[in-house]
Amino acid sequence: MSDISTIRIGISEDVGCRSAMEDEHAIYQVPEKGFFSAEIYDGHGGRKAAQAAAEMLTPYFLHPWSLELEKPPSQRRPEHELVREAYLKVDEYTVKAKIDGGTTGAGLYLINDRFIGANAGDTRIVFGMQGGVLTLTLDHKPNLPEELERIEEKGGRVVNLGVPRVQGLLAVSRAIGDRILKPYVTAEPRIIEGCLGRENDYAIIACDGVWDVLTTEIAMELARGLDDPQMAADAIKESALSNGTTDNVSVIVLDLREYTADLTRRRMKVTRVTDKAYEK
């Protein structure tokens, strides 16, 4: 079992030029089960949906997952199903609680030598690998051909007001909450699973307030160059602010070098990508 205590964490955030902070982040650790997660939720129309997701989503995964671990491996439900259900349960809660607004979300789960990355919206997860960078997530924008088709099939529309927006309102096509935009905006997450390798040195999770003005390559260069995850998170935040981001800024940097150093596999491997949003 990998030792999650070896993961070094840096977290940095700033309200930016906005009047209020609507981002939330979460870190969960279950050492006895080799579980670690880092998540960012980028709220819009208020902070309540992001707060609900940060407090509830991973616990919604951990409870059934812990029960599944008591079963023989061949009888366990797939972890991607449990992650998906967690997203949809939080979404259902926000609707029933009549929470205004919504939130994007991206979470990186590390379970011993495996990873699960999930996202809905444009919060992004990137992995360092082979001295380069791999983006685990997909930015769910309304003008993506497959997202546009999905929205229009449900009777919605995408209006370009300088930025493509669902029903002329929201600039992402997937999010938790946003009850007034259902069924066009969905909380269905895209989930990617795989095995870690010794080449995985850093991971960065950040909201679009970072990625609107910084490339993934520049962010990863900052992480590697500073050799300290907190300094790296602060540097990425400050770089986003100095480059003129107009949004809140939230970033998590994970130093995985010690965590992955003793893995038998050198290269990471993606084993599954799951996305139920396009099922008829």
Protein backbone atom coordinates (compact mmCIF):
# COMPACT_ATOMS: atom_id res chain seq x y z
CA MET A 1 0.00 0.00 0.00
CA SER A 2 1.34 3.42 -0.96
CA ASP A 3 1.94 5.90 1.83
CA ILE A 4 -0.28 8.92 1.22
CA SER A 5 1.58 10.85 3.93
CA THR A 6 4.41 11.29 1.42
CA ILE A 7 2.19 13.45 -0.83
CA ARG A 8 3.21 17.09 -0.32
CA ILE A 9 0.38 19.58 -0.80
CA GLY A 10 0.25 23.26 -1.73
CA ILE A 11 -3.01 25.23 -1.82
CA SER A 12 -3.44 28.86 -2.86
CA GLU A 13 -6.47 31.00 -3.67
CA ASP A 14 -7.46 34.61 -4.25
CA VAL A 15 -10.71 36.45 -4.89
CA GLY A 16 -9.05 38.25 -7.80
CA CYS A 17 -11.01 41.17 -9.19
CA ARG A 18 -14.37 39.64 -8.27
CA SER A 19 -16.48 41.03 -5.45
CA ALA A 20 -16.82 37.64 -3.74
CA MET A 21 -15.00 34.33 -3.52
CA GLU A 22 -17.09 31.51 -4.98
CA ASP A 23 -14.44 28.75 -5.16
CA GLU A 24 -14.08 25.89 -2.68
CA HIS A 25 -11.47 23.18 -2.34
CA ALA A 26 -11.30 19.91 -0.44
CA ILE A 27 -8.65 17.39 0.61
CA TYR A 28 -9.67 13.96 1.92
CA GLN A 29 -7.33 11.30 3.27
CA VAL A 30 -8.08 7.76 4.46
CA PRO A 31 -4.59 6.38 5.19
CA GLU A 32 -5.71 2.90 6.24
CA LYS A 33 -7.31 2.39 2.82
CA GLY A 34 -4.59 4.14 0.82
CA PHE A 35 -7.03 6.85 -0.31
CA PHE A 36 -6.26 10.51 -1.06
CA SER A 37 -8.26 13.14 -2.93
CA ALA A 38 -7.76 16.76 -3.97
CA GLU A 39 -10.69 18.71 -5.40
CA ILE A 40 -11.63 22.20 -6.56
CA TYR A 41 -15.17 23.47 -7.07
CA ASP A 42 -15.65 26.73 -8.96
CA GLY A 43 -19.00 28.22 -8.04
CA HIS A 44 -21.11 30.64 -10.04
CA GLY A 45 -24.22 32.53 -9.01
CA GLY A 46 -23.16 32.15 -5.39
CA ARG A 47 -20.94 29.88 -3.31
CA LYS A 48 -23.49 27.46 -1.85
CA ALA A 49 -23.30 24.81 -4.57
CA ALA A 50 -19.50 24.76 -4.35
CA GLN A 51 -19.68 24.47 -0.56
CA ALA A 52 -22.12 21.57 -0.82
CA ALA A 53 -19.90 19.76 -3.31
CA ALA A 54 -16.74 20.26 -1.24
CA GLU A 55 -18.46 18.95 1.89
CA MET A 56 -20.56 16.14 0.42
CA LEU A 57 -19.23 14.74 -2.84
CA THR A 58 -16.27 12.66 -1.69
CA PRO A 59 -18.08 11.40 1.44
CA TYR A 60 -20.83 10.24 -0.93
CA PHE A 61 -18.11 8.20 -2.68
CA LEU A 62 -16.24 7.00 0.39
CA HIS A 63 -19.16 5.40 2.24
CA PRO A 64 -20.28 2.95 -0.49
CA TRP A 65 -16.67 2.43 -1.61
CA SER A 66 -15.69 1.32 1.90
CA LEU A 67 -18.58 -1.17 1.88
CA GLU A 68 -17.52 -2.49 -1.51
CA LEU A 69 -14.01 -3.15 -0.19
CA GLU A 70 -15.50 -5.72 2.19
CA LYS A 71 -16.65 -7.82 -0.78
CA PRO A 72 -14.50 -10.13 -2.92
CA PRO A 73 -12.90 -8.11 -5.75
CA SER A 74 -14.99 -9.86 -8.41
CA GLN A 75 -18.22 -8.74 -6.73
CA ARG A 76 -17.37 -5.07 -6.20
CA ARG A 77 -19.08 -2.31 -8.13
CA PRO A 78 -16.77 -0.35 -10.42
CA GLU A 79 -15.33 2.75 -8.78
CA HIS A 80 -16.29 4.96 -11.70
CA GLU A 81 -19.95 4.13 -10.99
CA LEU A 82 -19.53 5.27 -7.39
CA VAL A 83 -17.85 8.51 -8.46
CA ARG A 84 -20.63 9.20 -10.95
CA GLU A 85 -23.30 8.57 -8.33
CA ALA A 86 -21.57 10.96 -5.93
CA TYR A 87 -21.71 13.77 -8.50
CA LEU A 88 -25.37 13.10 -9.24
CA LYS A 89 -26.32 12.87 -5.56
CA VAL A 90 -24.81 16.28 -4.80
CA ASP A 91 -26.54 17.66 -7.88
CA GLU A 92 -29.85 16.23 -6.69
CA TYR A 93 -29.29 17.76 -3.26
CA THR A 94 -28.70 21.24 -4.70
CA VAL A 95 -31.92 20.99 -6.71
CA LYS A 96 -34.03 19.77 -3.79
CA ALA A 97 -32.51 22.41 -1.50
CA LYS A 98 -33.31 25.04 -4.15
CA ILE A 99 -29.76 26.32 -4.12
CA ASP A 100 -29.25 29.07 -6.65
CA GLY A 101 -26.35 28.94 -9.07
CA GLY A 102 -24.04 25.99 -9.50
CA THR A 103 -20.45 24.85 -9.53
CA THR A 104 -17.98 23.14 -11.78
CA GLY A 105 -15.90 20.44 -10.18
CA ALA A 106 -12.74 18.44 -10.65
CA GLY A 107 -11.36 15.83 -8.29
CA LEU A 108 -8.26 13.66 -8.38
CA TYR A 109 -8.53 10.44 -6.38
CA LEU A 110 -5.38 8.44 -5.65
CA ILE A 111 -5.94 4.89 -4.42
CA ASN A 112 -2.58 3.23 -3.82
CA ASP A 113 -1.01 2.98 -7.29
CA ARG A 114 -4.17 3.95 -9.19
CA PHE A 115 -5.80 7.26 -10.06
CA ILE A 116 -9.31 8.44 -10.86
CA GLY A 117 -9.89 11.90 -12.31
CA ALA A 118 -13.41 13.28 -12.60
CA ASN A 119 -14.73 16.60 -13.83
CA ALA A 120 -17.86 18.46 -14.82
CA GLY A 121 -17.20 21.91 -16.26
CA ASP A 122 -13.89 23.61 -16.91
CA THR A 123 -11.93 23.05 -13.71
CA ARG A 124 -8.88 21.12 -14.85
CA ILE A 125 -6.51 18.40 -13.60
CA VAL A 126 -3.05 18.00 -15.11
CA PHE A 127 -0.38 15.38 -14.45
CA GLY A 128 3.34 15.77 -14.89
CA MET A 129 4.80 12.91 -16.90
CA GLN A 130 8.08 12.28 -18.75
CA GLY A 131 9.09 15.88 -18.14
CA GLY A 132 5.93 17.00 -19.92
CA VAL A 133 2.29 17.34 -18.96
CA LEU A 134 -0.94 15.43 -19.56
CA THR A 135 -4.38 16.98 -19.07
CA LEU A 136 -6.70 14.41 -17.47
CA THR A 137 -9.89 16.43 -17.82
CA LEU A 138 -11.95 17.85 -20.67
CA ASP A 139 -13.19 21.45 -20.50
CA HIS A 140 -16.95 21.20 -20.97
CA LYS A 141 -17.74 24.25 -23.07
CA PRO A 142 -21.12 24.70 -24.81
CA ASN A 143 -19.56 25.05 -28.26
CA LEU A 144 -17.86 21.65 -28.18
CA PRO A 145 -19.60 19.78 -31.02
CA GLU A 146 -20.74 16.88 -28.86
CA GLU A 147 -21.92 19.20 -26.06
CA LEU A 148 -23.74 21.47 -28.51
CA GLU A 149 -25.50 18.45 -30.03
CA ARG A 150 -26.49 17.15 -26.59
CA ILE A 151 -27.92 20.51 -25.55
CA GLU A 152 -29.87 21.00 -28.77
CA GLU A 153 -31.27 17.46 -28.66
CA LYS A 154 -32.81 18.34 -25.29
CA GLY A 155 -34.39 21.48 -26.69
CA GLY A 156 -31.81 23.95 -25.44
CA ARG A 157 -29.65 26.38 -27.35
CA VAL A 158 -26.21 27.90 -27.20
CA VAL A 159 -26.02 31.64 -27.73
CA ASN A 160 -22.71 33.29 -28.57
CA LEU A 161 -22.52 36.58 -26.69
CA GLY A 162 -18.79 36.96 -27.16
CA VAL A 163 -18.58 33.68 -25.23
CA PRO A 164 -20.84 30.70 -26.05
CA ARG A 165 -23.42 30.31 -23.28
CA VAL A 166 -26.14 27.76 -22.55
CA GLN A 167 -29.48 29.54 -22.99
CA GLY A 168 -27.40 32.71 -23.23
CA LEU A 169 -26.51 32.41 -19.54
CA LEU A 170 -23.82 29.89 -18.57
CA ALA A 171 -20.40 29.52 -20.20
CA VAL A 172 -19.98 25.85 -19.22
CA SER A 173 -22.17 22.97 -20.35
CA ARG A 174 -21.72 20.77 -17.28
CA ALA A 175 -21.99 21.71 -13.63
CA ILE A 176 -23.45 20.64 -10.33
CA GLY A 177 -26.60 22.63 -9.60
CA ASP A 178 -27.94 25.26 -12.02
CA ARG A 179 -31.46 23.94 -11.59
CA ILE A 180 -32.95 26.60 -13.87
CA LEU A 181 -30.79 25.33 -16.74
CA LYS A 182 -31.68 21.65 -16.52
CA PRO A 183 -31.68 19.42 -18.51
CA TYR A 184 -29.30 21.34 -20.76
CA VAL A 185 -26.59 21.70 -18.12
CA THR A 186 -25.78 18.28 -16.67
CA ALA A 187 -23.75 17.15 -13.67
CA GLU A 188 -22.66 13.97 -15.47
CA PRO A 189 -18.90 13.76 -14.89
CA ARG A 190 -16.29 12.58 -17.34
CA ILE A 191 -14.20 10.02 -15.46
CA ILE A 192 -10.72 8.83 -16.36
CA GLU A 193 -8.99 5.94 -14.58
CA GLY A 194 -5.54 4.45 -14.74
CA CYS A 195 -2.33 3.37 -13.08
CA LEU A 196 0.33 5.74 -11.81
CA GLY A 197 3.96 5.45 -12.84
CA ARG A 198 7.27 6.64 -11.48
CA GLU A 199 7.21 9.36 -14.16
CA ASN A 200 4.28 11.12 -12.41
CA ASP A 201 6.03 13.86 -10.44
CA TYR A 202 3.40 16.56 -9.92
CA ALA A 203 -0.33 17.08 -10.27
CA ILE A 204 -2.13 20.42 -10.51
CA ILE A 205 -5.84 21.04 -10.01
CA ALA A 206 -7.00 24.57 -10.78
CA CYS A 207 -10.07 26.55 -11.79
CA ASP A 208 -10.51 28.39 -15.08
CA GLY A 209 -9.28 31.58 -13.43
CA VAL A 210 -5.84 29.99 -13.86
CA TRP A 211 -6.27 28.24 -17.20
CA ASP A 212 -7.81 31.26 -18.93
CA VAL A 213 -4.42 32.98 -18.74
CA LEU A 214 -1.81 30.24 -18.17
CA THR A 215 -0.97 27.17 -20.23
CA THR A 216 -0.68 23.80 -18.56
CA GLU A 217 2.99 23.73 -19.57
CA ILE A 218 3.79 27.02 -17.82
CA ALA A 219 1.97 25.94 -14.66
CA MET A 220 3.89 22.66 -14.57
CA GLU A 221 7.18 24.46 -15.19
CA LEU A 222 6.48 26.62 -12.14
CA ALA A 223 5.79 23.53 -10.03
CA ARG A 224 8.96 21.78 -11.10
CA GLY A 225 11.14 24.85 -10.92
CA LEU A 226 10.25 25.81 -7.36
CA ASP A 227 10.55 22.32 -5.87
CA ASP A 228 8.03 23.16 -3.14
CA PRO A 229 4.28 22.64 -3.68
CA GLN A 230 3.15 25.58 -1.54
CA MET A 231 5.55 27.97 -3.24
CA ALA A 232 4.42 26.56 -6.59
CA ALA A 233 0.72 27.02 -5.80
CA ASP A 234 1.38 30.60 -4.72
CA ALA A 235 3.45 31.27 -7.85
CA ILE A 236 0.76 29.89 -10.16
CA LYS A 237 -1.85 32.02 -8.42
CA GLU A 238 0.27 35.16 -8.63
CA SER A 239 1.09 34.48 -12.27
CA ALA A 240 -2.61 34.16 -13.09
CA LEU A 241 -3.35 37.45 -11.32
CA SER A 242 -0.47 39.29 -12.98
CA ASN A 243 -1.56 37.96 -16.37
CA GLY A 244 -4.94 39.61 -15.97
CA THR A 245 -7.35 36.87 -14.96
CA THR A 246 -10.83 38.27 -14.36
CA ASP A 247 -11.98 35.42 -12.12
CA ASN A 248 -11.40 33.91 -8.69
CA VAL A 249 -8.20 31.87 -8.56
CA SER A 250 -7.82 28.50 -6.83
CA VAL A 251 -4.98 26.04 -7.31
CA ILE A 252 -3.76 22.84 -5.65
CA VAL A 253 -0.27 21.50 -6.37
CA LEU A 254 0.63 17.93 -5.37
CA ASP A 255 4.24 16.80 -5.19
CA LEU A 256 3.99 13.08 -5.98
CA ARG A 257 7.67 12.29 -6.39
CA GLU A 258 8.12 10.37 -3.16
CA TYR A 259 4.67 8.78 -3.48
CA THR A 260 5.43 7.31 -6.91
CA ALA A 261 9.17 6.67 -6.45
CA ASP A 262 8.84 2.98 -5.55
CA LEU A 263 6.19 1.99 -8.08
CA THR A 264 7.07 -0.94 -10.32
CA ARG A 265 5.57 0.78 -13.37
CA ARG A 266 7.64 3.57 -14.91
CA ARG A 267 5.01 5.04 -17.20
CA MET A 268 1.46 5.89 -16.22
CA LYS A 269 -1.33 4.07 -18.03
CA VAL A 270 -4.90 5.18 -18.75
CA THR A 271 -7.24 2.18 -18.49
CA ARG A 272 -10.74 3.64 -18.87
CA VAL A 273 -12.62 6.81 -19.77
CA THR A 274 -16.31 6.89 -18.84
CA ASP A 275 -18.85 9.52 -19.88
CA LYS A 276 -22.58 8.80 -19.60
CA ALA A 277 -23.68 12.24 -20.80
CA TYR A 278 -24.15 11.14 -24.39
CA GLU A 279 -26.16 8.00 -23.75
CA LYS A 280 -29.62 8.20 -25.26
